[in-house]
Amino acid sequence: MISQRLADALNQQMNNEFNAAQAYMAMAAYCEHNNYAGFANYYLQQAEEERFHGMKIYNYMNDRGLQAKFSATSEPKIEFASVLDTFESGLLQEKGVTKNFYELTDLAWEEKEHATISFLRWFLDEQVEEEASFDTHIEYLKRIGEDKNALYIYEKELGQRDFSAESGE
């Protein structure tokens, strides 16, 4: 049986995922406002992925007989210096999410809640991919620098992203 402490932590992480979606929506808005439709699409898809993660926790809690409790979302950062800044902000956010999942997993281990430990492994693996993806985008954007042609091509590539809930990607 899941303790109240672990239930509260799962609720918090579910809300964190929805907050992350809001932050990615703000990054999309910045990109769209600055005529970077491809990067905006990338962030809109990223927001969908975060909502998928939140719903994954929501469904797990329901499966375990817990009530999901929603809290107000925090206001996301809306001002960015550049597209590169959005990706650097995204990486910081993902590192925070990884830390949150580590703490949640530690709590599940402490309470010997094996089903929750198993459930959380998926998220830990996902966070490795998330951080690596943002690292890669940051490095590419740094290499591109002021080359507007390369930026255009890269933006078009990222604009092709289409999140699929079936695959989780």
C-alpha atoms as a PDB file:
ATOM      1  CA  MET A   1       0.000   0.000   0.000  1.00  0.00           C
ATOM      2  CA  ILE A   2       1.275   3.451  -0.914  1.00  0.00           C
ATOM      3  CA  SER A   3       1.867   5.736   2.056  1.00  0.00           C
ATOM      4  CA  GLN A   4       0.450   9.245   2.192  1.00  0.00           C
ATOM      5  CA  ARG A   5       3.975  10.608   1.920  1.00  0.00           C
ATOM      6  CA  LEU A   6       4.602   8.728  -1.330  1.00  0.00           C
ATOM      7  CA  ALA A   7       1.121   9.600  -2.633  1.00  0.00           C
ATOM      8  CA  ASP A   8       1.839  13.282  -1.988  1.00  0.00           C
ATOM      9  CA  ALA A   9       5.181  12.977  -3.783  1.00  0.00           C
ATOM     10  CA  LEU A  10       3.514  11.310  -6.799  1.00  0.00           C
ATOM     11  CA  ASN A  11       0.911  14.075  -6.867  1.00  0.00           C
ATOM     12  CA  GLN A  12       3.658  16.679  -6.744  1.00  0.00           C
ATOM     13  CA  GLN A  13       5.511  15.043  -9.630  1.00  0.00           C
ATOM     14  CA  MET A  14       2.319  14.814 -11.674  1.00  0.00           C
ATOM     15  CA  ASN A  15       1.870  18.544 -11.188  1.00  0.00           C
ATOM     16  CA  ASN A  16       5.540  19.134 -12.007  1.00  0.00           C
ATOM     17  CA  GLU A  17       4.967  17.443 -15.366  1.00  0.00           C
ATOM     18  CA  PHE A  18       2.049  19.732 -16.141  1.00  0.00           C
ATOM     19  CA  ASN A  19       4.176  22.724 -15.088  1.00  0.00           C
ATOM     20  CA  ALA A  20       6.885  21.544 -17.477  1.00  0.00           C
ATOM     21  CA  ALA A  21       4.291  21.457 -20.261  1.00  0.00           C
ATOM     22  CA  GLN A  22       3.429  25.089 -19.489  1.00  0.00           C
ATOM     23  CA  ALA A  23       7.104  26.043 -19.614  1.00  0.00           C
ATOM     24  CA  TYR A  24       7.470  24.404 -23.033  1.00  0.00           C
ATOM     25  CA  MET A  25       4.356  26.225 -24.232  1.00  0.00           C
ATOM     26  CA  ALA A  26       6.021  29.503 -23.193  1.00  0.00           C
ATOM     27  CA  MET A  27       9.137  28.539 -25.153  1.00  0.00           C
ATOM     28  CA  ALA A  28       6.938  27.755 -28.162  1.00  0.00           C
ATOM     29  CA  ALA A  29       5.270  31.144 -27.823  1.00  0.00           C
ATOM     30  CA  TYR A  30       8.658  32.881 -27.763  1.00  0.00           C
ATOM     31  CA  CYS A  31       9.767  30.998 -30.866  1.00  0.00           C
ATOM     32  CA  GLU A  32       6.503  31.616 -32.712  1.00  0.00           C
ATOM     33  CA  HIS A  33       6.601  35.319 -31.843  1.00  0.00           C
ATOM     34  CA  ASN A  34      10.117  35.504 -33.285  1.00  0.00           C
ATOM     35  CA  ASN A  35       9.135  33.664 -36.485  1.00  0.00           C
ATOM     36  CA  TYR A  36      10.763  30.361 -35.638  1.00  0.00           C
ATOM     37  CA  ALA A  37       7.788  28.134 -36.445  1.00  0.00           C
ATOM     38  CA  GLY A  38       9.909  24.960 -36.582  1.00  0.00           C
ATOM     39  CA  PHE A  39      11.331  25.492 -33.109  1.00  0.00           C
ATOM     40  CA  ALA A  40       7.847  26.451 -31.881  1.00  0.00           C
ATOM     41  CA  ASN A  41       6.532  23.114 -33.166  1.00  0.00           C
ATOM     42  CA  TYR A  42       9.358  21.309 -31.401  1.00  0.00           C
ATOM     43  CA  TYR A  43       8.299  22.876 -28.090  1.00  0.00           C
ATOM     44  CA  LEU A  44       4.603  22.262 -28.711  1.00  0.00           C
ATOM     45  CA  GLN A  45       5.425  18.580 -29.189  1.00  0.00           C
ATOM     46  CA  GLN A  46       7.598  18.674 -26.067  1.00  0.00           C
ATOM     47  CA  ALA A  47       4.631  20.102 -24.140  1.00  0.00           C
ATOM     48  CA  GLU A  48       2.460  17.222 -25.393  1.00  0.00           C
ATOM     49  CA  GLU A  49       5.085  14.785 -24.151  1.00  0.00           C
ATOM     50  CA  GLU A  50       5.102  16.383 -20.695  1.00  0.00           C
ATOM     51  CA  ARG A  51       1.303  16.214 -20.498  1.00  0.00           C
ATOM     52  CA  PHE A  52       1.578  12.542 -21.494  1.00  0.00           C
ATOM     53  CA  HIS A  53       4.002  12.049 -18.588  1.00  0.00           C
ATOM     54  CA  GLY A  54       1.622  13.801 -16.205  1.00  0.00           C
ATOM     55  CA  MET A  55      -1.247  11.609 -17.362  1.00  0.00           C
ATOM     56  CA  LYS A  56       0.915   8.512 -16.984  1.00  0.00           C
ATOM     57  CA  ILE A  57       1.357   9.369 -13.300  1.00  0.00           C
ATOM     58  CA  TYR A  58      -2.335  10.275 -13.013  1.00  0.00           C
ATOM     59  CA  ASN A  59      -3.343   6.877 -14.404  1.00  0.00           C
ATOM     60  CA  TYR A  60      -0.885   5.028 -12.158  1.00  0.00           C
ATOM     61  CA  MET A  61      -2.292   6.782  -9.118  1.00  0.00           C
ATOM     62  CA  ASN A  62      -5.839   5.859 -10.145  1.00  0.00           C
ATOM     63  CA  ASP A  63      -4.765   2.249 -10.716  1.00  0.00           C
ATOM     64  CA  ARG A  64      -3.392   2.215  -7.163  1.00  0.00           C
ATOM     65  CA  GLY A  65      -6.555   3.676  -5.623  1.00  0.00           C
ATOM     66  CA  LEU A  66      -5.109   7.141  -5.033  1.00  0.00           C
ATOM     67  CA  GLN A  67      -6.774  10.426  -5.892  1.00  0.00           C
ATOM     68  CA  ALA A  68      -4.821  12.753  -8.110  1.00  0.00           C
ATOM     69  CA  LYS A  69      -4.774  16.264  -6.715  1.00  0.00           C
ATOM     70  CA  PHE A  70      -4.081  19.161  -9.003  1.00  0.00           C
ATOM     71  CA  SER A  71      -2.421  22.369  -7.943  1.00  0.00           C
ATOM     72  CA  ALA A  72      -2.090  25.683  -9.735  1.00  0.00           C
ATOM     73  CA  THR A  73       0.639  25.809 -12.328  1.00  0.00           C
ATOM     74  CA  SER A  74       3.467  28.214 -11.730  1.00  0.00           C
ATOM     75  CA  GLU A  75       4.046  31.018 -14.190  1.00  0.00           C
ATOM     76  CA  PRO A  76       6.758  29.915 -16.611  1.00  0.00           C
ATOM     77  CA  LYS A  77       9.674  31.971 -17.819  1.00  0.00           C
ATOM     78  CA  ILE A  78       8.483  33.903 -20.887  1.00  0.00           C
ATOM     79  CA  GLU A  79      11.490  36.036 -21.819  1.00  0.00           C
ATOM     80  CA  PHE A  80      14.406  34.451 -23.629  1.00  0.00           C
ATOM     81  CA  ALA A  81      17.527  35.953 -25.168  1.00  0.00           C
ATOM     82  CA  SER A  82      17.562  33.562 -28.125  1.00  0.00           C
ATOM     83  CA  VAL A  83      16.505  30.167 -29.399  1.00  0.00           C
ATOM     84  CA  LEU A  84      19.668  28.797 -27.790  1.00  0.00           C
ATOM     85  CA  ASP A  85      18.484  30.269 -24.480  1.00  0.00           C
ATOM     86  CA  THR A  86      15.214  28.320 -24.782  1.00  0.00           C
ATOM     87  CA  PHE A  87      17.139  25.074 -25.151  1.00  0.00           C
ATOM     88  CA  GLU A  88      19.455  25.914 -22.260  1.00  0.00           C
ATOM     89  CA  SER A  89      16.383  26.676 -20.130  1.00  0.00           C
ATOM     90  CA  GLY A  90      14.852  23.391 -21.273  1.00  0.00           C
ATOM     91  CA  LEU A  91      17.961  21.477 -20.228  1.00  0.00           C
ATOM     92  CA  LEU A  92      17.915  23.085 -16.779  1.00  0.00           C
ATOM     93  CA  GLN A  93      14.262  22.149 -16.459  1.00  0.00           C
ATOM     94  CA  GLU A  94      14.941  18.542 -17.475  1.00  0.00           C
ATOM     95  CA  LYS A  95      17.792  18.287 -14.971  1.00  0.00           C
ATOM     96  CA  GLY A  96      15.374  19.441 -12.284  1.00  0.00           C
ATOM     97  CA  VAL A  97      12.848  16.824 -13.401  1.00  0.00           C
ATOM     98  CA  THR A  98      15.550  14.154 -13.247  1.00  0.00           C
ATOM     99  CA  LYS A  99      16.411  15.227  -9.695  1.00  0.00           C
ATOM    100  CA  ASN A 100      12.723  15.041  -8.764  1.00  0.00           C
ATOM    101  CA  PHE A 101      12.434  11.511 -10.130  1.00  0.00           C
ATOM    102  CA  TYR A 102      15.583  10.451  -8.276  1.00  0.00           C
ATOM    103  CA  GLU A 103      14.085  11.729  -5.022  1.00  0.00           C
ATOM    104  CA  LEU A 104      10.750  10.066  -5.759  1.00  0.00           C
ATOM    105  CA  THR A 105      12.497   6.781  -6.546  1.00  0.00           C
ATOM    106  CA  ASP A 106      14.578   7.047  -3.369  1.00  0.00           C
ATOM    107  CA  LEU A 107      11.367   7.478  -1.393  1.00  0.00           C
ATOM    108  CA  ALA A 108       9.780   4.466  -3.082  1.00  0.00           C
ATOM    109  CA  TRP A 109      12.897   2.414  -2.232  1.00  0.00           C
ATOM    110  CA  GLU A 110      12.835   3.662   1.344  1.00  0.00           C
ATOM    111  CA  GLU A 111       9.232   2.505   1.648  1.00  0.00           C
ATOM    112  CA  LYS A 112       9.903  -0.737  -0.254  1.00  0.00           C
ATOM    113  CA  GLU A 113       7.077   0.130  -2.639  1.00  0.00           C
ATOM    114  CA  HIS A 114       8.208  -2.196  -5.433  1.00  0.00           C
ATOM    115  CA  ALA A 115       5.370  -1.546  -7.884  1.00  0.00           C
ATOM    116  CA  THR A 116       6.112   2.177  -7.739  1.00  0.00           C
ATOM    117  CA  ILE A 117       9.835   1.514  -8.154  1.00  0.00           C
ATOM    118  CA  SER A 118       9.057  -0.473 -11.285  1.00  0.00           C
ATOM    119  CA  PHE A 119       6.744   2.269 -12.560  1.00  0.00           C
ATOM    120  CA  LEU A 120       9.362   4.986 -11.991  1.00  0.00           C
ATOM    121  CA  ARG A 121      12.097   3.152 -13.925  1.00  0.00           C
ATOM    122  CA  TRP A 122      10.420   4.166 -17.182  1.00  0.00           C
ATOM    123  CA  PHE A 123      10.707   7.828 -16.194  1.00  0.00           C
ATOM    124  CA  LEU A 124      14.351   7.486 -15.176  1.00  0.00           C
ATOM    125  CA  ASP A 125      15.169   6.018 -18.590  1.00  0.00           C
ATOM    126  CA  GLU A 126      13.140   8.769 -20.259  1.00  0.00           C
ATOM    127  CA  GLN A 127      15.079  11.458 -18.420  1.00  0.00           C
ATOM    128  CA  VAL A 128      18.384  10.154 -19.763  1.00  0.00           C
ATOM    129  CA  GLU A 129      16.961  10.603 -23.275  1.00  0.00           C
ATOM    130  CA  GLU A 130      15.535  14.051 -22.475  1.00  0.00           C
ATOM    131  CA  GLU A 131      18.784  15.443 -21.125  1.00  0.00           C
ATOM    132  CA  ALA A 132      20.815  13.941 -23.972  1.00  0.00           C
ATOM    133  CA  SER A 133      18.424  15.419 -26.529  1.00  0.00           C
ATOM    134  CA  PHE A 134      18.680  18.916 -25.082  1.00  0.00           C
ATOM    135  CA  ASP A 135      22.477  18.609 -24.807  1.00  0.00           C
ATOM    136  CA  THR A 136      22.614  17.696 -28.493  1.00  0.00           C
ATOM    137  CA  HIS A 137      20.387  20.589 -29.572  1.00  0.00           C
ATOM    138  CA  ILE A 138      22.474  23.031 -27.535  1.00  0.00           C
ATOM    139  CA  GLU A 139      25.707  21.783 -29.089  1.00  0.00           C
ATOM    140  CA  TYR A 140      24.242  21.989 -32.609  1.00  0.00           C
ATOM    141  CA  LEU A 141      22.985  25.522 -32.038  1.00  0.00           C
ATOM    142  CA  LYS A 142      26.368  26.580 -30.672  1.00  0.00           C
ATOM    143  CA  ARG A 143      28.090  25.103 -33.748  1.00  0.00           C
ATOM    144  CA  ILE A 144      25.643  26.830 -36.049  1.00  0.00           C
ATOM    145  CA  GLY A 145      26.305  30.163 -34.360  1.00  0.00           C
ATOM    146  CA  GLU A 146      25.395  33.008 -36.710  1.00  0.00           C
ATOM    147  CA  ASP A 147      25.016  30.824 -39.823  1.00  0.00           C
ATOM    148  CA  LYS A 148      21.433  31.702 -40.749  1.00  0.00           C
ATOM    149  CA  ASN A 149      21.261  29.077 -43.497  1.00  0.00           C
ATOM    150  CA  ALA A 150      22.259  26.302 -41.110  1.00  0.00           C
ATOM    151  CA  LEU A 151      19.809  27.622 -38.511  1.00  0.00           C
ATOM    152  CA  TYR A 152      17.037  27.576 -41.119  1.00  0.00           C
ATOM    153  CA  ILE A 153      17.791  23.961 -42.039  1.00  0.00           C
ATOM    154  CA  TYR A 154      18.001  22.891 -38.391  1.00  0.00           C
ATOM    155  CA  GLU A 155      14.746  24.648 -37.577  1.00  0.00           C
ATOM    156  CA  LYS A 156      13.019  22.875 -40.469  1.00  0.00           C
ATOM    157  CA  GLU A 157      14.331  19.544 -39.176  1.00  0.00           C
ATOM    158  CA  LEU A 158      13.032  20.133 -35.649  1.00  0.00           C
ATOM    159  CA  GLY A 159       9.767  21.399 -37.101  1.00  0.00           C
ATOM    160  CA  GLN A 160       9.102  17.860 -38.334  1.00  0.00           C
ATOM    161  CA  ARG A 161       8.862  16.500 -34.800  1.00  0.00           C
ATOM    162  CA  ASP A 162       5.540  14.819 -34.059  1.00  0.00           C
ATOM    163  CA  PHE A 163       5.016  13.396 -30.573  1.00  0.00           C
ATOM    164  CA  SER A 164       3.269  10.047 -30.515  1.00  0.00           C
ATOM    165  CA  ALA A 165       1.627   8.970 -27.266  1.00  0.00           C
ATOM    166  CA  GLU A 166       1.716   5.365 -28.495  1.00  0.00           C
ATOM    167  CA  SER A 167       5.499   5.319 -28.579  1.00  0.00           C
ATOM    168  CA  GLY A 168       6.029   7.912 -25.848  1.00  0.00           C
ATOM    169  CA  GLU A 169       8.322   9.878 -28.184  1.00  0.00           C
END
